[in-house]
Amino acid sequence: MLCEKLIRIGFQLTENEIFSPAPVMVKLLKERKLRPMLLVHPRALPQFEGIDQSNPNCVVVGDATDVFTYEKLNDAFRLLMEQKRASLFSLGRGRYYKEVDGLCMDVGGFTAALEYASGVHAEVVGKPEKTFFATALSDMALSKSEVLMIGDDIVSDVGGAQEFGIRGVLVRTGKFIAEKDENHPLVKPDAIVDDLAQGVDVIISQRMD
């Protein structure tokens, strides 16, 4: 669905060129023989097909939007409290994202709530963790010097990329907020561009060298 959406707005790509944390999470669940309680968006559920979800012994939190009800969060909290060695996974640490009607609370806040209530530290599989960037680079068979991250999240996109050792470019679209992002106390982008097209121009012209 994401691939189809990107094609509709003008991108030329195939599904295998999109890298998301869900397949990495599925691989981890299989390796550790874990049975998850899934707090993810209904559209993400097909990616977990074949994973045993009976009698869950861990919690996986993703961009669940309307699924983040008190009842669902409390069920996840109770499972974490009942397990002797509870495992909590998050598909990201984003604070917020932007929809057509405005800013929306992202997965990071819900993950933090479960961490605080249960005392269980979440293992993050998606951005801004280094392992996510490392897996993406490995999948593309590229080195750090050959990759540049362009994103609208100053912490997860730009900061995560820079912590991993690749350049990060902040784009002034999406959820970008000038007063917060351009003067971030910790993350300093390698460049700030007006949109993705300008970011591509920066790469082509090698103005960042």
C-alpha atoms as a PDB file:
ATOM      1  CA  MET A   1       0.000   0.000   0.000  1.00  0.00           C
ATOM      2  CA  LEU A   2       2.849   2.367   0.782  1.00  0.00           C
ATOM      3  CA  CYS A   3       4.494   1.511  -2.534  1.00  0.00           C
ATOM      4  CA  GLU A   4       1.259   2.245  -4.398  1.00  0.00           C
ATOM      5  CA  LYS A   5       0.881   5.568  -2.604  1.00  0.00           C
ATOM      6  CA  LEU A   6       4.427   6.639  -3.478  1.00  0.00           C
ATOM      7  CA  ILE A   7       3.908   5.698  -7.117  1.00  0.00           C
ATOM      8  CA  ARG A   8       0.695   7.750  -7.231  1.00  0.00           C
ATOM      9  CA  ILE A   9       2.562  10.869  -6.113  1.00  0.00           C
ATOM     10  CA  GLY A  10       5.312  10.415  -8.678  1.00  0.00           C
ATOM     11  CA  PHE A  11       7.989   8.053  -7.354  1.00  0.00           C
ATOM     12  CA  GLN A  12       9.341   5.245  -9.499  1.00  0.00           C
ATOM     13  CA  LEU A  13      10.096   2.281  -7.261  1.00  0.00           C
ATOM     14  CA  THR A  14       9.258  -1.306  -6.449  1.00  0.00           C
ATOM     15  CA  GLU A  15       8.075  -2.790  -3.155  1.00  0.00           C
ATOM     16  CA  ASN A  16      11.458  -4.360  -2.370  1.00  0.00           C
ATOM     17  CA  GLU A  17      13.020  -0.881  -2.393  1.00  0.00           C
ATOM     18  CA  ILE A  18      11.033   0.126   0.699  1.00  0.00           C
ATOM     19  CA  PHE A  19      12.673  -0.794   3.998  1.00  0.00           C
ATOM     20  CA  SER A  20      10.516  -0.844   7.138  1.00  0.00           C
ATOM     21  CA  PRO A  21      11.116  -2.159  10.671  1.00  0.00           C
ATOM     22  CA  ALA A  22       8.319  -4.754  10.565  1.00  0.00           C
ATOM     23  CA  PRO A  23      10.255  -7.453   8.614  1.00  0.00           C
ATOM     24  CA  VAL A  24      13.215  -6.962  10.963  1.00  0.00           C
ATOM     25  CA  MET A  25      10.863  -7.405  13.921  1.00  0.00           C
ATOM     26  CA  VAL A  26       9.404 -10.591  12.406  1.00  0.00           C
ATOM     27  CA  LYS A  27      12.887 -12.007  11.940  1.00  0.00           C
ATOM     28  CA  LEU A  28      13.774 -11.200  15.556  1.00  0.00           C
ATOM     29  CA  LEU A  29      10.595 -12.822  16.872  1.00  0.00           C
ATOM     30  CA  LYS A  30      11.365 -16.011  14.962  1.00  0.00           C
ATOM     31  CA  GLU A  31      14.982 -16.106  16.121  1.00  0.00           C
ATOM     32  CA  ARG A  32      14.026 -15.657  19.782  1.00  0.00           C
ATOM     33  CA  LYS A  33      10.939 -17.874  19.542  1.00  0.00           C
ATOM     34  CA  LEU A  34       8.706 -15.148  20.966  1.00  0.00           C
ATOM     35  CA  ARG A  35       4.920 -14.870  20.736  1.00  0.00           C
ATOM     36  CA  PRO A  36       3.882 -11.229  20.503  1.00  0.00           C
ATOM     37  CA  MET A  37       0.915  -9.198  21.591  1.00  0.00           C
ATOM     38  CA  LEU A  38       0.742  -6.809  18.647  1.00  0.00           C
ATOM     39  CA  LEU A  39      -0.124  -3.145  19.183  1.00  0.00           C
ATOM     40  CA  VAL A  40       0.282  -2.180  15.526  1.00  0.00           C
ATOM     41  CA  HIS A  41      -1.840  -0.657  12.789  1.00  0.00           C
ATOM     42  CA  PRO A  42      -4.308  -3.158  11.273  1.00  0.00           C
ATOM     43  CA  ARG A  43      -2.656  -2.636   7.883  1.00  0.00           C
ATOM     44  CA  ALA A  44       0.628  -3.908   9.347  1.00  0.00           C
ATOM     45  CA  LEU A  45      -0.836  -7.170  10.622  1.00  0.00           C
ATOM     46  CA  PRO A  46      -0.314  -9.109   7.349  1.00  0.00           C
ATOM     47  CA  GLN A  47       3.438  -8.637   7.775  1.00  0.00           C
ATOM     48  CA  PHE A  48       3.240 -10.751  10.937  1.00  0.00           C
ATOM     49  CA  GLU A  49       1.400 -13.589   9.230  1.00  0.00           C
ATOM     50  CA  GLY A  50       2.802 -16.937  10.329  1.00  0.00           C
ATOM     51  CA  ILE A  51       3.979 -15.617  13.702  1.00  0.00           C
ATOM     52  CA  ASP A  52       2.452 -17.493  16.647  1.00  0.00           C
ATOM     53  CA  GLN A  53       0.442 -14.962  18.683  1.00  0.00           C
ATOM     54  CA  SER A  54      -1.203 -17.416  21.083  1.00  0.00           C
ATOM     55  CA  ASN A  55      -0.429 -17.047  24.776  1.00  0.00           C
ATOM     56  CA  PRO A  56       1.820 -14.010  24.101  1.00  0.00           C
ATOM     57  CA  ASN A  57       5.033 -13.515  26.069  1.00  0.00           C
ATOM     58  CA  CYS A  58       6.122 -10.122  24.685  1.00  0.00           C
ATOM     59  CA  VAL A  59       4.652  -6.859  23.407  1.00  0.00           C
ATOM     60  CA  VAL A  60       5.348  -5.220  20.037  1.00  0.00           C
ATOM     61  CA  VAL A  61       4.335  -1.578  19.674  1.00  0.00           C
ATOM     62  CA  GLY A  62       4.044   0.140  16.303  1.00  0.00           C
ATOM     63  CA  ASP A  63       2.121   2.985  14.672  1.00  0.00           C
ATOM     64  CA  ALA A  64      -1.216   1.693  15.902  1.00  0.00           C
ATOM     65  CA  THR A  65      -3.163   5.011  15.722  1.00  0.00           C
ATOM     66  CA  ASP A  66      -6.772   4.260  16.810  1.00  0.00           C
ATOM     67  CA  VAL A  67      -5.736   0.877  18.241  1.00  0.00           C
ATOM     68  CA  PHE A  68      -4.012   2.766  21.068  1.00  0.00           C
ATOM     69  CA  THR A  69      -7.034   2.607  23.343  1.00  0.00           C
ATOM     70  CA  TYR A  70      -6.724   2.518  27.119  1.00  0.00           C
ATOM     71  CA  GLU A  71      -7.978  -1.063  27.079  1.00  0.00           C
ATOM     72  CA  LYS A  72      -5.316  -2.222  24.597  1.00  0.00           C
ATOM     73  CA  LEU A  73      -2.513  -0.373  26.375  1.00  0.00           C
ATOM     74  CA  ASN A  74      -3.609  -1.752  29.729  1.00  0.00           C
ATOM     75  CA  ASP A  75      -3.684  -5.286  28.301  1.00  0.00           C
ATOM     76  CA  ALA A  76      -0.091  -4.773  27.157  1.00  0.00           C
ATOM     77  CA  PHE A  77       0.855  -3.358  30.564  1.00  0.00           C
ATOM     78  CA  ARG A  78      -0.650  -6.353  32.366  1.00  0.00           C
ATOM     79  CA  LEU A  79       1.182  -8.809  30.128  1.00  0.00           C
ATOM     80  CA  LEU A  80       4.488  -7.065  30.838  1.00  0.00           C
ATOM     81  CA  MET A  81       3.808  -7.140  34.564  1.00  0.00           C
ATOM     82  CA  GLU A  82       2.815 -10.815  34.546  1.00  0.00           C
ATOM     83  CA  GLN A  83       5.896 -12.048  32.688  1.00  0.00           C
ATOM     84  CA  LYS A  84       8.965 -12.941  34.751  1.00  0.00           C
ATOM     85  CA  ARG A  85      11.284 -11.792  31.950  1.00  0.00           C
ATOM     86  CA  ALA A  86       9.083  -9.468  29.956  1.00  0.00           C
ATOM     87  CA  SER A  87      10.132  -8.210  26.535  1.00  0.00           C
ATOM     88  CA  LEU A  88       8.862  -4.935  25.076  1.00  0.00           C
ATOM     89  CA  PHE A  89       9.669  -3.968  21.488  1.00  0.00           C
ATOM     90  CA  SER A  90       8.963  -0.730  19.663  1.00  0.00           C
ATOM     91  CA  LEU A  91       9.077  -0.162  15.912  1.00  0.00           C
ATOM     92  CA  GLY A  92      10.372   3.368  16.462  1.00  0.00           C
ATOM     93  CA  ARG A  93      10.897   6.259  18.864  1.00  0.00           C
ATOM     94  CA  GLY A  94       9.147   9.009  16.917  1.00  0.00           C
ATOM     95  CA  ARG A  95       7.399  11.636  19.027  1.00  0.00           C
ATOM     96  CA  TYR A  96       4.890  12.852  16.457  1.00  0.00           C
ATOM     97  CA  TYR A  97       4.089  12.858  12.757  1.00  0.00           C
ATOM     98  CA  LYS A  98       1.884  14.941  10.511  1.00  0.00           C
ATOM     99  CA  GLU A  99      -1.405  13.994   8.893  1.00  0.00           C
ATOM    100  CA  VAL A 100      -3.691  16.114   6.710  1.00  0.00           C
ATOM    101  CA  ASP A 101      -5.558  17.379   9.780  1.00  0.00           C
ATOM    102  CA  GLY A 102      -2.416  18.217  11.793  1.00  0.00           C
ATOM    103  CA  LEU A 103       0.210  16.721  14.103  1.00  0.00           C
ATOM    104  CA  CYS A 104      -0.410  13.291  15.629  1.00  0.00           C
ATOM    105  CA  MET A 105       1.205  11.563  18.591  1.00  0.00           C
ATOM    106  CA  ASP A 106       3.616   8.863  17.395  1.00  0.00           C
ATOM    107  CA  VAL A 107       4.695   5.480  18.738  1.00  0.00           C
ATOM    108  CA  GLY A 108       7.421   6.877  21.007  1.00  0.00           C
ATOM    109  CA  GLY A 109       5.006   8.361  23.520  1.00  0.00           C
ATOM    110  CA  PHE A 110       2.995   5.162  23.869  1.00  0.00           C
ATOM    111  CA  THR A 111       6.195   3.149  24.214  1.00  0.00           C
ATOM    112  CA  ALA A 112       7.399   5.511  26.929  1.00  0.00           C
ATOM    113  CA  ALA A 113       4.093   5.116  28.793  1.00  0.00           C
ATOM    114  CA  LEU A 114       4.436   1.316  28.828  1.00  0.00           C
ATOM    115  CA  GLU A 115       8.076   1.594  29.899  1.00  0.00           C
ATOM    116  CA  TYR A 116       7.222   3.932  32.760  1.00  0.00           C
ATOM    117  CA  ALA A 117       4.253   1.910  33.994  1.00  0.00           C
ATOM    118  CA  SER A 118       5.860  -1.527  33.755  1.00  0.00           C
ATOM    119  CA  GLY A 119       9.497  -0.695  34.444  1.00  0.00           C
ATOM    120  CA  VAL A 120      10.459  -2.663  31.322  1.00  0.00           C
ATOM    121  CA  HIS A 121      12.902  -0.989  28.936  1.00  0.00           C
ATOM    122  CA  ALA A 122      11.856  -1.239  25.296  1.00  0.00           C
ATOM    123  CA  GLU A 123      14.123  -2.610  22.607  1.00  0.00           C
ATOM    124  CA  VAL A 124      13.706  -0.330  19.598  1.00  0.00           C
ATOM    125  CA  VAL A 125      13.859  -2.028  16.219  1.00  0.00           C
ATOM    126  CA  GLY A 126      13.252   1.014  13.973  1.00  0.00           C
ATOM    127  CA  LYS A 127      14.666   4.527  13.836  1.00  0.00           C
ATOM    128  CA  PRO A 128      16.692   6.062  15.413  1.00  0.00           C
ATOM    129  CA  GLU A 129      18.534   2.863  16.420  1.00  0.00           C
ATOM    130  CA  LYS A 130      21.829   2.124  14.688  1.00  0.00           C
ATOM    131  CA  THR A 131      20.794  -1.466  13.982  1.00  0.00           C
ATOM    132  CA  PHE A 132      17.961  -0.261  11.740  1.00  0.00           C
ATOM    133  CA  PHE A 133      20.286   1.867   9.624  1.00  0.00           C
ATOM    134  CA  ALA A 134      22.865  -0.923   9.568  1.00  0.00           C
ATOM    135  CA  THR A 135      20.302  -3.455   8.339  1.00  0.00           C
ATOM    136  CA  ALA A 136      19.119  -1.080   5.609  1.00  0.00           C
ATOM    137  CA  LEU A 137      22.661  -0.468   4.387  1.00  0.00           C
ATOM    138  CA  SER A 138      23.385  -4.176   4.403  1.00  0.00           C
ATOM    139  CA  ASP A 139      20.228  -4.829   2.408  1.00  0.00           C
ATOM    140  CA  MET A 140      21.325  -2.262  -0.201  1.00  0.00           C
ATOM    141  CA  ALA A 141      24.958  -3.461  -0.127  1.00  0.00           C
ATOM    142  CA  LEU A 142      26.160   0.111   0.373  1.00  0.00           C
ATOM    143  CA  SER A 143      28.754   1.706   2.656  1.00  0.00           C
ATOM    144  CA  LYS A 144      28.095   4.616   5.010  1.00  0.00           C
ATOM    145  CA  SER A 145      29.916   7.026   2.695  1.00  0.00           C
ATOM    146  CA  GLU A 146      27.515   6.134  -0.126  1.00  0.00           C
ATOM    147  CA  VAL A 147      24.353   6.913   1.836  1.00  0.00           C
ATOM    148  CA  LEU A 148      22.586  10.089   2.888  1.00  0.00           C
ATOM    149  CA  MET A 149      19.432  10.322   4.990  1.00  0.00           C
ATOM    150  CA  ILE A 150      16.802  12.918   4.105  1.00  0.00           C
ATOM    151  CA  GLY A 151      13.949  13.278   6.579  1.00  0.00           C
ATOM    152  CA  ASP A 152      11.604  15.600   8.451  1.00  0.00           C
ATOM    153  CA  ASP A 153      12.368  14.208  11.926  1.00  0.00           C
ATOM    154  CA  ILE A 154      15.348  16.026  13.418  1.00  0.00           C
ATOM    155  CA  VAL A 155      15.952  13.314  16.038  1.00  0.00           C
ATOM    156  CA  SER A 156      14.945   9.978  14.497  1.00  0.00           C
ATOM    157  CA  ASP A 157      15.913  10.711  10.888  1.00  0.00           C
ATOM    158  CA  VAL A 158      18.805  13.169  11.036  1.00  0.00           C
ATOM    159  CA  GLY A 159      20.118  12.429  14.521  1.00  0.00           C
ATOM    160  CA  GLY A 160      19.781   8.680  14.116  1.00  0.00           C
ATOM    161  CA  ALA A 161      21.635   8.748  10.810  1.00  0.00           C
ATOM    162  CA  GLN A 162      24.443  10.894  12.166  1.00  0.00           C
ATOM    163  CA  GLU A 163      24.850   8.706  15.237  1.00  0.00           C
ATOM    164  CA  PHE A 164      25.276   5.759  12.891  1.00  0.00           C
ATOM    165  CA  GLY A 165      27.874   7.624  10.850  1.00  0.00           C
ATOM    166  CA  ILE A 166      26.012   8.767   7.744  1.00  0.00           C
ATOM    167  CA  ARG A 167      25.071  12.296   6.755  1.00  0.00           C
ATOM    168  CA  GLY A 168      21.626  13.597   7.661  1.00  0.00           C
ATOM    169  CA  VAL A 169      19.649  16.246   5.802  1.00  0.00           C
ATOM    170  CA  LEU A 170      16.593  17.929   7.316  1.00  0.00           C
ATOM    171  CA  VAL A 171      13.734  18.771   4.960  1.00  0.00           C
ATOM    172  CA  ARG A 172      11.362  21.681   5.594  1.00  0.00           C
ATOM    173  CA  THR A 173       8.242  19.660   4.745  1.00  0.00           C
ATOM    174  CA  GLY A 174       6.067  17.181   6.623  1.00  0.00           C
ATOM    175  CA  LYS A 175       6.166  17.717  10.369  1.00  0.00           C
ATOM    176  CA  PHE A 176       9.098  20.171  10.231  1.00  0.00           C
ATOM    177  CA  ILE A 177       8.766  23.019  12.753  1.00  0.00           C
ATOM    178  CA  ALA A 178      11.334  25.755  12.111  1.00  0.00           C
ATOM    179  CA  GLU A 179      11.701  27.136  15.633  1.00  0.00           C
ATOM    180  CA  LYS A 180      12.137  23.664  17.131  1.00  0.00           C
ATOM    181  CA  ASP A 181      14.111  21.838  14.456  1.00  0.00           C
ATOM    182  CA  GLU A 182      16.473  24.411  12.958  1.00  0.00           C
ATOM    183  CA  ASN A 183      17.759  25.295  16.438  1.00  0.00           C
ATOM    184  CA  HIS A 184      17.797  21.840  18.004  1.00  0.00           C
ATOM    185  CA  PRO A 185      20.200  21.839  20.990  1.00  0.00           C
ATOM    186  CA  LEU A 186      21.787  18.487  20.137  1.00  0.00           C
ATOM    187  CA  VAL A 187      21.285  17.596  16.467  1.00  0.00           C
ATOM    188  CA  LYS A 188      22.862  19.751  13.756  1.00  0.00           C
ATOM    189  CA  PRO A 189      21.902  18.637  10.228  1.00  0.00           C
ATOM    190  CA  ASP A 190      24.557  18.439   7.537  1.00  0.00           C
ATOM    191  CA  ALA A 191      22.160  20.512   5.436  1.00  0.00           C
ATOM    192  CA  ILE A 192      18.618  21.878   5.530  1.00  0.00           C
ATOM    193  CA  VAL A 193      16.596  21.864   2.310  1.00  0.00           C
ATOM    194  CA  ASP A 194      13.153  23.132   1.340  1.00  0.00           C
ATOM    195  CA  ASP A 195      11.935  19.833  -0.110  1.00  0.00           C
ATOM    196  CA  LEU A 196      13.064  16.432  -1.341  1.00  0.00           C
ATOM    197  CA  ALA A 197      13.806  17.751  -4.827  1.00  0.00           C
ATOM    198  CA  GLN A 198      16.275  20.285  -3.423  1.00  0.00           C
ATOM    199  CA  GLY A 199      17.819  17.536  -1.343  1.00  0.00           C
ATOM    200  CA  VAL A 200      18.434  15.534  -4.497  1.00  0.00           C
ATOM    201  CA  ASP A 201      19.969  18.624  -6.119  1.00  0.00           C
ATOM    202  CA  VAL A 202      22.350  18.899  -3.172  1.00  0.00           C
ATOM    203  CA  ILE A 203      23.469  15.312  -3.686  1.00  0.00           C
ATOM    204  CA  ILE A 204      23.900  15.656  -7.443  1.00  0.00           C
ATOM    205  CA  SER A 205      25.837  18.908  -7.221  1.00  0.00           C
ATOM    206  CA  GLN A 206      28.006  17.475  -4.387  1.00  0.00           C
ATOM    207  CA  ARG A 207      27.682  20.736  -2.498  1.00  0.00           C
ATOM    208  CA  MET A 208      27.991  18.827   0.758  1.00  0.00           C
ATOM    209  CA  ASP A 209      31.559  17.608   0.084  1.00  0.00           C
END
